[in-house]
Amino acid sequence: MHVKVLGPMTKSVELLLQNTAIALKKLKLHATFERVSEFRKVASYGIATFPALVIDEKLVAVGSVLNVDEVEALIRGLH
């Protein structure tokens, strides 16, 4: 699984990254993480609000910091 958190390096982006890592650990899933803050790369996903979460190249959340339970539910829905 490949996880990307999109947006400038703010507290909300960092928190989404941490919550996603915790959710994956709770689900016993392995993932590689990438922080994407370069404007061109972020713009390629067509988003205007941050943070955003991309899992295996699928945009799954935009504009909010999901808590651990919300991230877990999203991941379960992908499998």
PDB file of N, CA and C in Angstrom:
ATOM      1  N   MET A   1       0.842  -1.168   0.000  1.00  0.00           N
ATOM      2  CA  MET A   1       0.000   0.000   0.000  1.00  0.00           C
ATOM      3  C   MET A   1       0.887   1.230   0.000  1.00  0.00           C
ATOM      4  N   HIS A   2       0.508   2.210  -0.803  1.00  0.00           N
ATOM      5  CA  HIS A   2       1.262   3.460  -0.869  1.00  0.00           C
ATOM      6  C   HIS A   2       0.337   4.600  -0.463  1.00  0.00           C
ATOM      7  N   VAL A   3       0.753   5.357   0.540  1.00  0.00           N
ATOM      8  CA  VAL A   3      -0.052   6.439   1.097  1.00  0.00           C
ATOM      9  C   VAL A   3       0.630   7.764   0.828  1.00  0.00           C
ATOM     10  N   LYS A   4      -0.141   8.713   0.311  1.00  0.00           N
ATOM     11  CA  LYS A   4       0.363  10.070   0.111  1.00  0.00           C
ATOM     12  C   LYS A   4      -0.533  11.038   0.883  1.00  0.00           C
ATOM     13  N   VAL A   5       0.108  11.977   1.567  1.00  0.00           N
ATOM     14  CA  VAL A   5      -0.618  13.069   2.200  1.00  0.00           C
ATOM     15  C   VAL A   5      -0.215  14.319   1.436  1.00  0.00           C
ATOM     16  N   LEU A   6      -1.228  14.991   0.878  1.00  0.00           N
ATOM     17  CA  LEU A   6      -0.978  16.146   0.026  1.00  0.00           C
ATOM     18  C   LEU A   6      -1.212  17.445   0.776  1.00  0.00           C
ATOM     19  N   GLY A   7      -0.335  18.409   0.529  1.00  0.00           N
ATOM     20  CA  GLY A   7      -0.499  19.743   1.089  1.00  0.00           C
ATOM     21  C   GLY A   7       0.792  20.277   1.646  1.00  0.00           C
ATOM     22  N   PRO A   8       0.789  21.587   1.917  1.00  0.00           N
ATOM     23  CA  PRO A   8       1.981  22.192   2.519  1.00  0.00           C
ATOM     24  C   PRO A   8       2.189  21.603   3.909  1.00  0.00           C
ATOM     25  N   MET A   9       3.395  21.577   4.368  1.00  0.00           N
ATOM     26  CA  MET A   9       3.699  20.929   5.637  1.00  0.00           C
ATOM     27  C   MET A   9       3.193  21.767   6.814  1.00  0.00           C
ATOM     28  N   THR A  10       1.938  21.543   7.130  1.00  0.00           N
ATOM     29  CA  THR A  10       1.279  22.225   8.243  1.00  0.00           C
ATOM     30  C   THR A  10       0.954  21.208   9.332  1.00  0.00           C
ATOM     31  N   LYS A  11       0.447  21.697  10.449  1.00  0.00           N
ATOM     32  CA  LYS A  11       0.077  20.798  11.543  1.00  0.00           C
ATOM     33  C   LYS A  11      -1.027  19.841  11.110  1.00  0.00           C
ATOM     34  N   SER A  12      -1.975  20.326  10.308  1.00  0.00           N
ATOM     35  CA  SER A  12      -3.078  19.452   9.891  1.00  0.00           C
ATOM     36  C   SER A  12      -2.586  18.347   8.967  1.00  0.00           C
ATOM     37  N   VAL A  13      -1.642  18.646   8.092  1.00  0.00           N
ATOM     38  CA  VAL A  13      -1.078  17.626   7.208  1.00  0.00           C
ATOM     39  C   VAL A  13      -0.311  16.598   8.036  1.00  0.00           C
ATOM     40  N   GLU A  14       0.461  17.056   8.982  1.00  0.00           N
ATOM     41  CA  GLU A  14       1.234  16.150   9.844  1.00  0.00           C
ATOM     42  C   GLU A  14       0.306  15.269  10.673  1.00  0.00           C
ATOM     43  N   LEU A  15      -0.777  15.844  11.188  1.00  0.00           N
ATOM     44  CA  LEU A  15      -1.717  15.082  11.993  1.00  0.00           C
ATOM     45  C   LEU A  15      -2.411  14.005  11.155  1.00  0.00           C
ATOM     46  N   LEU A  16      -2.792  14.332   9.925  1.00  0.00           N
ATOM     47  CA  LEU A  16      -3.406  13.340   9.047  1.00  0.00           C
ATOM     48  C   LEU A  16      -2.424  12.204   8.760  1.00  0.00           C
ATOM     49  N   LEU A  17      -1.179  12.544   8.557  1.00  0.00           N
ATOM     50  CA  LEU A  17      -0.153  11.530   8.322  1.00  0.00           C
ATOM     51  C   LEU A  17      -0.017  10.611   9.541  1.00  0.00           C
ATOM     52  N   GLN A  18       0.030  11.189  10.717  1.00  0.00           N
ATOM     53  CA  GLN A  18       0.156  10.398  11.944  1.00  0.00           C
ATOM     54  C   GLN A  18      -1.069   9.514  12.167  1.00  0.00           C
ATOM     55  N   ASN A  19      -2.260  10.067  11.967  1.00  0.00           N
ATOM     56  CA  ASN A  19      -3.483   9.285  12.167  1.00  0.00           C
ATOM     57  C   ASN A  19      -3.564   8.126  11.175  1.00  0.00           C
ATOM     58  N   THR A  20      -3.110   8.359   9.959  1.00  0.00           N
ATOM     59  CA  THR A  20      -3.108   7.302   8.953  1.00  0.00           C
ATOM     60  C   THR A  20      -2.128   6.196   9.341  1.00  0.00           C
ATOM     61  N   ALA A  21      -0.959   6.576   9.818  1.00  0.00           N
ATOM     62  CA  ALA A  21       0.035   5.580  10.246  1.00  0.00           C
ATOM     63  C   ALA A  21      -0.492   4.749  11.407  1.00  0.00           C
ATOM     64  N   ILE A  22      -1.168   5.381  12.349  1.00  0.00           N
ATOM     65  CA  ILE A  22      -1.732   4.658  13.490  1.00  0.00           C
ATOM     66  C   ILE A  22      -2.819   3.693  13.013  1.00  0.00           C
ATOM     67  N   ALA A  23      -3.686   4.155  12.123  1.00  0.00           N
ATOM     68  CA  ALA A  23      -4.765   3.301  11.608  1.00  0.00           C
ATOM     69  C   ALA A  23      -4.201   2.081  10.898  1.00  0.00           C
ATOM     70  N   LEU A  24      -3.181   2.272  10.093  1.00  0.00           N
ATOM     71  CA  LEU A  24      -2.571   1.146   9.383  1.00  0.00           C
ATOM     72  C   LEU A  24      -1.936   0.159  10.358  1.00  0.00           C
ATOM     73  N   LYS A  25      -1.308   0.678  11.388  1.00  0.00           N
ATOM     74  CA  LYS A  25      -0.695  -0.200  12.392  1.00  0.00           C
ATOM     75  C   LYS A  25      -1.763  -1.007  13.118  1.00  0.00           C
ATOM     76  N   LYS A  26      -2.883  -0.362  13.455  1.00  0.00           N
ATOM     77  CA  LYS A  26      -3.973  -1.062  14.123  1.00  0.00           C
ATOM     78  C   LYS A  26      -4.558  -2.159  13.238  1.00  0.00           C
ATOM     79  N   LEU A  27      -4.575  -1.901  11.931  1.00  0.00           N
ATOM     80  CA  LEU A  27      -5.100  -2.881  10.983  1.00  0.00           C
ATOM     81  C   LEU A  27      -4.051  -3.913  10.570  1.00  0.00           C
ATOM     82  N   LYS A  28      -2.835  -3.734  11.083  1.00  0.00           N
ATOM     83  CA  LYS A  28      -1.707  -4.632  10.765  1.00  0.00           C
ATOM     84  C   LYS A  28      -1.416  -4.667   9.269  1.00  0.00           C
ATOM     85  N   LEU A  29      -1.441  -3.478   8.657  1.00  0.00           N
ATOM     86  CA  LEU A  29      -1.125  -3.339   7.237  1.00  0.00           C
ATOM     87  C   LEU A  29       0.163  -2.555   7.086  1.00  0.00           C
ATOM     88  N   HIS A  30       0.948  -2.931   6.095  1.00  0.00           N
ATOM     89  CA  HIS A  30       2.199  -2.243   5.817  1.00  0.00           C
ATOM     90  C   HIS A  30       1.973  -1.235   4.691  1.00  0.00           C
ATOM     91  N   ALA A  31       2.611  -0.080   4.817  1.00  0.00           N
ATOM     92  CA  ALA A  31       2.484   0.938   3.767  1.00  0.00           C
ATOM     93  C   ALA A  31       3.749   1.771   3.695  1.00  0.00           C
ATOM     94  N   THR A  32       3.967   2.323   2.516  1.00  0.00           N
ATOM     95  CA  THR A  32       5.005   3.337   2.370  1.00  0.00           C
ATOM     96  C   THR A  32       4.289   4.680   2.373  1.00  0.00           C
ATOM     97  N   PHE A  33       4.942   5.678   2.952  1.00  0.00           N
ATOM     98  CA  PHE A  33       4.339   6.996   3.083  1.00  0.00           C
ATOM     99  C   PHE A  33       5.113   8.018   2.280  1.00  0.00           C
ATOM    100  N   GLU A  34       4.379   8.989   1.766  1.00  0.00           N
ATOM    101  CA  GLU A  34       4.988  10.074   1.015  1.00  0.00           C
ATOM    102  C   GLU A  34       4.243  11.363   1.345  1.00  0.00           C
ATOM    103  N   ARG A  35       4.996  12.380   1.653  1.00  0.00           N
ATOM    104  CA  ARG A  35       4.422  13.716   1.838  1.00  0.00           C
ATOM    105  C   ARG A  35       4.617  14.463   0.532  1.00  0.00           C
ATOM    106  N   VAL A  36       3.545  14.994   0.006  1.00  0.00           N
ATOM    107  CA  VAL A  36       3.618  15.694  -1.276  1.00  0.00           C
ATOM    108  C   VAL A  36       3.216  17.149  -1.055  1.00  0.00           C
ATOM    109  N   SER A  37       4.191  18.035  -1.181  1.00  0.00           N
ATOM    110  CA  SER A  37       3.908  19.451  -0.997  1.00  0.00           C
ATOM    111  C   SER A  37       4.230  20.276  -2.244  1.00  0.00           C
ATOM    112  N   GLU A  38       4.902  19.676  -3.202  1.00  0.00           N
ATOM    113  CA  GLU A  38       5.234  20.393  -4.435  1.00  0.00           C
ATOM    114  C   GLU A  38       3.942  20.727  -5.184  1.00  0.00           C
ATOM    115  N   PHE A  39       3.774  22.011  -5.518  1.00  0.00           N
ATOM    116  CA  PHE A  39       2.517  22.496  -6.087  1.00  0.00           C
ATOM    117  C   PHE A  39       2.079  21.715  -7.318  1.00  0.00           C
ATOM    118  N   ARG A  40       2.975  21.470  -8.242  1.00  0.00           N
ATOM    119  CA  ARG A  40       2.603  20.774  -9.480  1.00  0.00           C
ATOM    120  C   ARG A  40       2.062  19.375  -9.206  1.00  0.00           C
ATOM    121  N   LYS A  41       2.701  18.674  -8.293  1.00  0.00           N
ATOM    122  CA  LYS A  41       2.257  17.318  -7.971  1.00  0.00           C
ATOM    123  C   LYS A  41       0.898  17.339  -7.272  1.00  0.00           C
ATOM    124  N   VAL A  42       0.735  18.274  -6.351  1.00  0.00           N
ATOM    125  CA  VAL A  42      -0.539  18.390  -5.643  1.00  0.00           C
ATOM    126  C   VAL A  42      -1.641  18.779  -6.619  1.00  0.00           C
ATOM    127  N   ALA A  43      -1.362  19.724  -7.489  1.00  0.00           N
ATOM    128  CA  ALA A  43      -2.351  20.188  -8.462  1.00  0.00           C
ATOM    129  C   ALA A  43      -2.787  19.084  -9.417  1.00  0.00           C
ATOM    130  N   SER A  44      -1.920  18.125  -9.664  1.00  0.00           N
ATOM    131  CA  SER A  44      -2.264  17.039 -10.584  1.00  0.00           C
ATOM    132  C   SER A  44      -3.426  16.191 -10.059  1.00  0.00           C
ATOM    133  N   TYR A  45      -3.711  16.273  -8.765  1.00  0.00           N
ATOM    134  CA  TYR A  45      -4.844  15.552  -8.195  1.00  0.00           C
ATOM    135  C   TYR A  45      -6.138  16.360  -8.257  1.00  0.00           C
ATOM    136  N   GLY A  46      -6.056  17.624  -8.708  1.00  0.00           N
ATOM    137  CA  GLY A  46      -7.240  18.444  -8.890  1.00  0.00           C
ATOM    138  C   GLY A  46      -7.896  18.916  -7.603  1.00  0.00           C
ATOM    139  N   ILE A  47      -7.114  19.081  -6.552  1.00  0.00           N
ATOM    140  CA  ILE A  47      -7.683  19.526  -5.278  1.00  0.00           C
ATOM    141  C   ILE A  47      -7.304  20.965  -4.992  1.00  0.00           C
ATOM    142  N   ALA A  48      -8.145  21.626  -4.197  1.00  0.00           N
ATOM    143  CA  ALA A  48      -7.874  23.014  -3.843  1.00  0.00           C
ATOM    144  C   ALA A  48      -7.825  23.221  -2.334  1.00  0.00           C
ATOM    145  N   THR A  49      -8.248  22.233  -1.565  1.00  0.00           N
ATOM    146  CA  THR A  49      -8.200  22.339  -0.111  1.00  0.00           C
ATOM    147  C   THR A  49      -7.331  21.231   0.464  1.00  0.00           C
ATOM    148  N   PHE A  50      -6.731  21.535   1.596  1.00  0.00           N
ATOM    149  CA  PHE A  50      -5.793  20.608   2.221  1.00  0.00           C
ATOM    150  C   PHE A  50      -6.215  20.318   3.640  1.00  0.00           C
ATOM    151  N   PRO A  51      -5.750  19.245   4.208  1.00  0.00           N
ATOM    152  CA  PRO A  51      -4.922  18.204   3.604  1.00  0.00           C
ATOM    153  C   PRO A  51      -5.760  17.255   2.754  1.00  0.00           C
ATOM    154  N   ALA A  52      -5.080  16.423   1.998  1.00  0.00           N
ATOM    155  CA  ALA A  52      -5.743  15.399   1.201  1.00  0.00           C
ATOM    156  C   ALA A  52      -5.000  14.090   1.392  1.00  0.00           C
ATOM    157  N   LEU A  53      -5.750  13.008   1.282  1.00  0.00           N
ATOM    158  CA  LEU A  53      -5.191  11.678   1.488  1.00  0.00           C
ATOM    159  C   LEU A  53      -5.391  10.847   0.229  1.00  0.00           C
ATOM    160  N   VAL A  54      -4.295  10.254  -0.245  1.00  0.00           N
ATOM    161  CA  VAL A  54      -4.324   9.400  -1.424  1.00  0.00           C
ATOM    162  C   VAL A  54      -3.788   8.038  -1.011  1.00  0.00           C
ATOM    163  N   ILE A  55      -4.566   6.991  -1.307  1.00  0.00           N
ATOM    164  CA  ILE A  55      -4.132   5.633  -1.001  1.00  0.00           C
ATOM    165  C   ILE A  55      -4.120   4.848  -2.297  1.00  0.00           C
ATOM    166  N   ASP A  56      -2.958   4.317  -2.629  1.00  0.00           N
ATOM    167  CA  ASP A  56      -2.771   3.571  -3.881  1.00  0.00           C
ATOM    168  C   ASP A  56      -3.322   4.344  -5.075  1.00  0.00           C
ATOM    169  N   GLU A  57      -2.950   5.615  -5.122  1.00  0.00           N
ATOM    170  CA  GLU A  57      -3.312   6.539  -6.214  1.00  0.00           C
ATOM    171  C   GLU A  57      -4.805   6.833  -6.308  1.00  0.00           C
ATOM    172  N   LYS A  58      -5.559   6.534  -5.258  1.00  0.00           N
ATOM    173  CA  LYS A  58      -6.970   6.887  -5.215  1.00  0.00           C
ATOM    174  C   LYS A  58      -7.158   7.983  -4.171  1.00  0.00           C
ATOM    175  N   LEU A  59      -7.696   9.115  -4.599  1.00  0.00           N
ATOM    176  CA  LEU A  59      -7.972  10.228  -3.697  1.00  0.00           C
ATOM    177  C   LEU A  59      -9.151   9.835  -2.813  1.00  0.00           C
ATOM    178  N   VAL A  60      -8.921   9.727  -1.500  1.00  0.00           N
ATOM    179  CA  VAL A  60      -9.964   9.225  -0.612  1.00  0.00           C
ATOM    180  C   VAL A  60     -10.483  10.260   0.376  1.00  0.00           C
ATOM    181  N   ALA A  61      -9.771  11.354   0.583  1.00  0.00           N
ATOM    182  CA  ALA A  61     -10.234  12.387   1.511  1.00  0.00           C
ATOM    183  C   ALA A  61      -9.601  13.720   1.141  1.00  0.00           C
ATOM    184  N   VAL A  62     -10.405  14.780   1.245  1.00  0.00           N
ATOM    185  CA  VAL A  62      -9.926  16.126   0.913  1.00  0.00           C
ATOM    186  C   VAL A  62     -10.481  17.122   1.918  1.00  0.00           C
ATOM    187  N   GLY A  63      -9.602  17.981   2.426  1.00  0.00           N
ATOM    188  CA  GLY A  63     -10.030  19.134   3.202  1.00  0.00           C
ATOM    189  C   GLY A  63     -10.312  18.927   4.668  1.00  0.00           C
ATOM    190  N   SER A  64     -10.012  17.749   5.204  1.00  0.00           N
ATOM    191  CA  SER A  64     -10.234  17.561   6.633  1.00  0.00           C
ATOM    192  C   SER A  64      -9.191  16.614   7.206  1.00  0.00           C
ATOM    193  N   VAL A  65      -8.964  16.779   8.502  1.00  0.00           N
ATOM    194  CA  VAL A  65      -8.054  15.888   9.207  1.00  0.00           C
ATOM    195  C   VAL A  65      -8.899  14.754   9.768  1.00  0.00           C
ATOM    196  N   LEU A  66      -8.766  13.608   9.162  1.00  0.00           N
ATOM    197  CA  LEU A  66      -9.519  12.442   9.621  1.00  0.00           C
ATOM    198  C   LEU A  66      -8.905  11.894  10.903  1.00  0.00           C
ATOM    199  N   ASN A  67      -9.772  11.427  11.805  1.00  0.00           N
ATOM    200  CA  ASN A  67      -9.224  10.798  12.996  1.00  0.00           C
ATOM    201  C   ASN A  67      -8.872   9.348  12.660  1.00  0.00           C
ATOM    202  N   VAL A  68      -8.291   8.646  13.596  1.00  0.00           N
ATOM    203  CA  VAL A  68      -7.807   7.287  13.351  1.00  0.00           C
ATOM    204  C   VAL A  68      -8.951   6.370  12.921  1.00  0.00           C
ATOM    205  N   ASP A  69     -10.095   6.461  13.589  1.00  0.00           N
ATOM    206  CA  ASP A  69     -11.231   5.599  13.255  1.00  0.00           C
ATOM    207  C   ASP A  69     -11.741   5.870  11.844  1.00  0.00           C
ATOM    208  N   GLU A  70     -11.772   7.128  11.446  1.00  0.00           N
ATOM    209  CA  GLU A  70     -12.224   7.469  10.095  1.00  0.00           C
ATOM    210  C   GLU A  70     -11.276   6.913   9.035  1.00  0.00           C
ATOM    211  N   VAL A  71      -9.984   7.001   9.301  1.00  0.00           N
ATOM    212  CA  VAL A  71      -9.004   6.450   8.359  1.00  0.00           C
ATOM    213  C   VAL A  71      -9.148   4.935   8.278  1.00  0.00           C
ATOM    214  N   GLU A  72      -9.324   4.288   9.424  1.00  0.00           N
ATOM    215  CA  GLU A  72      -9.525   2.834   9.427  1.00  0.00           C
ATOM    216  C   GLU A  72     -10.726   2.453   8.566  1.00  0.00           C
ATOM    217  N   ALA A  73     -11.828   3.157   8.719  1.00  0.00           N
ATOM    218  CA  ALA A  73     -13.035   2.859   7.950  1.00  0.00           C
ATOM    219  C   ALA A  73     -12.784   3.035   6.458  1.00  0.00           C
ATOM    220  N   LEU A  74     -12.066   4.087   6.082  1.00  0.00           N
ATOM    221  CA  LEU A  74     -11.731   4.305   4.667  1.00  0.00           C
ATOM    222  C   LEU A  74     -10.909   3.149   4.118  1.00  0.00           C
ATOM    223  N   ILE A  75      -9.909   2.736   4.863  1.00  0.00           N
ATOM    224  CA  ILE A  75      -9.031   1.663   4.410  1.00  0.00           C
ATOM    225  C   ILE A  75      -9.806   0.353   4.285  1.00  0.00           C
ATOM    226  N   ARG A  76     -10.660   0.083   5.250  1.00  0.00           N
ATOM    227  CA  ARG A  76     -11.478  -1.128   5.167  1.00  0.00           C
ATOM    228  C   ARG A  76     -12.362  -1.097   3.919  1.00  0.00           C
ATOM    229  N   GLY A  77     -12.871   0.071   3.589  1.00  0.00           N
ATOM    230  CA  GLY A  77     -13.726   0.226   2.417  1.00  0.00           C
ATOM    231  C   GLY A  77     -12.986   0.024   1.110  1.00  0.00           C
ATOM    232  N   LEU A  78     -11.676   0.193   1.128  1.00  0.00           N
ATOM    233  CA  LEU A  78     -10.866   0.010  -0.084  1.00  0.00           C
ATOM    234  C   LEU A  78     -10.548  -1.455  -0.333  1.00  0.00           C
ATOM    235  N   HIS A  79     -10.640  -2.277   0.689  1.00  0.00           N
ATOM    236  CA  HIS A  79     -10.272  -3.703   0.538  1.00  0.00           C
ATOM    237  C   HIS A  79     -11.473  -4.590   0.518  1.00  0.00           C
TER     238      HIS A  79
END
